Amino acid sequence: MVNVELHERIKTVLDQIRPYLQADGGDLNLVEITDDLVVKVELTGACGSCPMRTMTLKAGVEGTLKKEIPEVKSVESV
């Protein structure tokens, strides 16, 4: 199980990313953080159906999370 401190750090970084997604009519929800530190999120609103969602997920969300929290292995959309 992911410790509480790491979980809170991940949530804080996602909260910092959220306004950029909301500016384009989208958002994200944290679904799960696996024991091997894969962060699973759900892209919602305009982000959920956008053709650029994979790039947003990998370059934007995953890139920012891994920069701030190097322990994170990857980010996946569910």
Protein backbone atom coordinates (compact mmCIF):
# COMPACT_ATOMS: atom_id res chain seq x y z
CA MET A 1 0.00 0.00 0.00
CA VAL A 2 1.23 3.50 -0.87
CA ASN A 3 2.06 5.51 2.22
CA VAL A 4 -0.09 8.49 3.16
CA GLU A 5 2.67 11.06 2.62
CA LEU A 6 3.35 9.92 -0.95
CA HIS A 7 -0.38 9.77 -1.69
CA GLU A 8 -0.77 13.37 -0.50
CA ARG A 9 2.23 14.54 -2.55
CA ILE A 10 0.71 12.97 -5.69
CA LYS A 11 -2.67 14.58 -4.98
CA THR A 12 -0.98 17.97 -4.48
CA VAL A 13 0.80 17.77 -7.85
CA LEU A 14 -2.42 16.69 -9.58
CA ASP A 15 -4.19 19.67 -7.98
CA GLN A 16 -1.50 21.93 -9.47
CA ILE A 17 -2.11 20.46 -12.95
CA ARG A 18 -5.91 20.58 -12.69
CA PRO A 19 -6.38 24.33 -13.53
CA TYR A 20 -4.64 23.85 -16.89
CA LEU A 21 -7.04 21.05 -17.79
CA GLN A 22 -10.03 23.02 -16.52
CA ALA A 23 -9.05 25.99 -18.67
CA ASP A 24 -9.75 23.79 -21.70
CA GLY A 25 -13.00 22.39 -20.30
CA GLY A 26 -11.55 19.20 -18.85
CA ASP A 27 -10.42 17.76 -15.55
CA LEU A 28 -9.03 14.62 -14.01
CA ASN A 29 -9.87 12.34 -11.12
CA LEU A 30 -7.36 10.28 -9.19
CA VAL A 31 -8.62 6.69 -9.35
CA GLU A 32 -5.81 4.64 -7.85
CA ILE A 33 -2.14 4.56 -6.98
CA THR A 34 -0.87 0.99 -7.32
CA ASP A 35 1.73 -0.59 -5.05
CA ASP A 36 4.27 -0.33 -7.88
CA LEU A 37 3.54 3.44 -8.13
CA VAL A 38 1.47 3.55 -11.28
CA VAL A 39 -0.95 6.46 -10.95
CA LYS A 40 -4.33 5.77 -12.54
CA VAL A 41 -6.47 8.77 -13.45
CA GLU A 42 -9.69 9.39 -15.30
CA LEU A 43 -9.69 12.29 -17.75
CA THR A 44 -13.10 13.95 -17.74
CA GLY A 45 -14.96 16.67 -19.58
CA ALA A 46 -13.32 17.86 -22.78
CA CYS A 47 -10.13 15.95 -21.88
CA GLY A 48 -11.97 12.63 -21.86
CA SER A 49 -12.85 12.80 -25.54
CA CYS A 50 -10.03 14.98 -26.88
CA PRO A 51 -7.87 13.47 -29.64
CA MET A 52 -4.82 14.88 -27.80
CA ARG A 53 -5.66 13.14 -24.51
CA THR A 54 -2.78 10.67 -24.76
CA MET A 55 -0.29 13.49 -25.20
CA THR A 56 -1.91 15.42 -22.35
CA LEU A 57 -1.71 12.35 -20.16
CA LYS A 58 1.89 11.39 -20.94
CA ALA A 59 3.60 14.72 -21.63
CA GLY A 60 1.55 16.84 -19.26
CA VAL A 61 0.34 14.79 -16.33
CA GLU A 62 2.93 12.00 -16.28
CA GLY A 63 5.83 14.33 -17.10
CA THR A 64 4.94 16.73 -14.32
CA LEU A 65 4.32 13.99 -11.77
CA LYS A 66 7.60 12.20 -12.54
CA LYS A 67 9.53 15.49 -12.38
CA GLU A 68 8.09 16.34 -8.96
CA ILE A 69 7.94 12.77 -7.61
CA PRO A 70 10.57 10.58 -9.31
CA GLU A 71 9.26 7.45 -7.56
CA VAL A 72 6.17 7.50 -9.82
CA LYS A 73 6.62 4.88 -12.56
CA SER A 74 3.88 5.98 -14.95
CA VAL A 75 0.42 7.49 -15.31
CA GLU A 76 -2.38 5.58 -16.99
CA SER A 77 -5.88 6.57 -18.01
CA VAL A 78 -8.76 4.36 -16.88
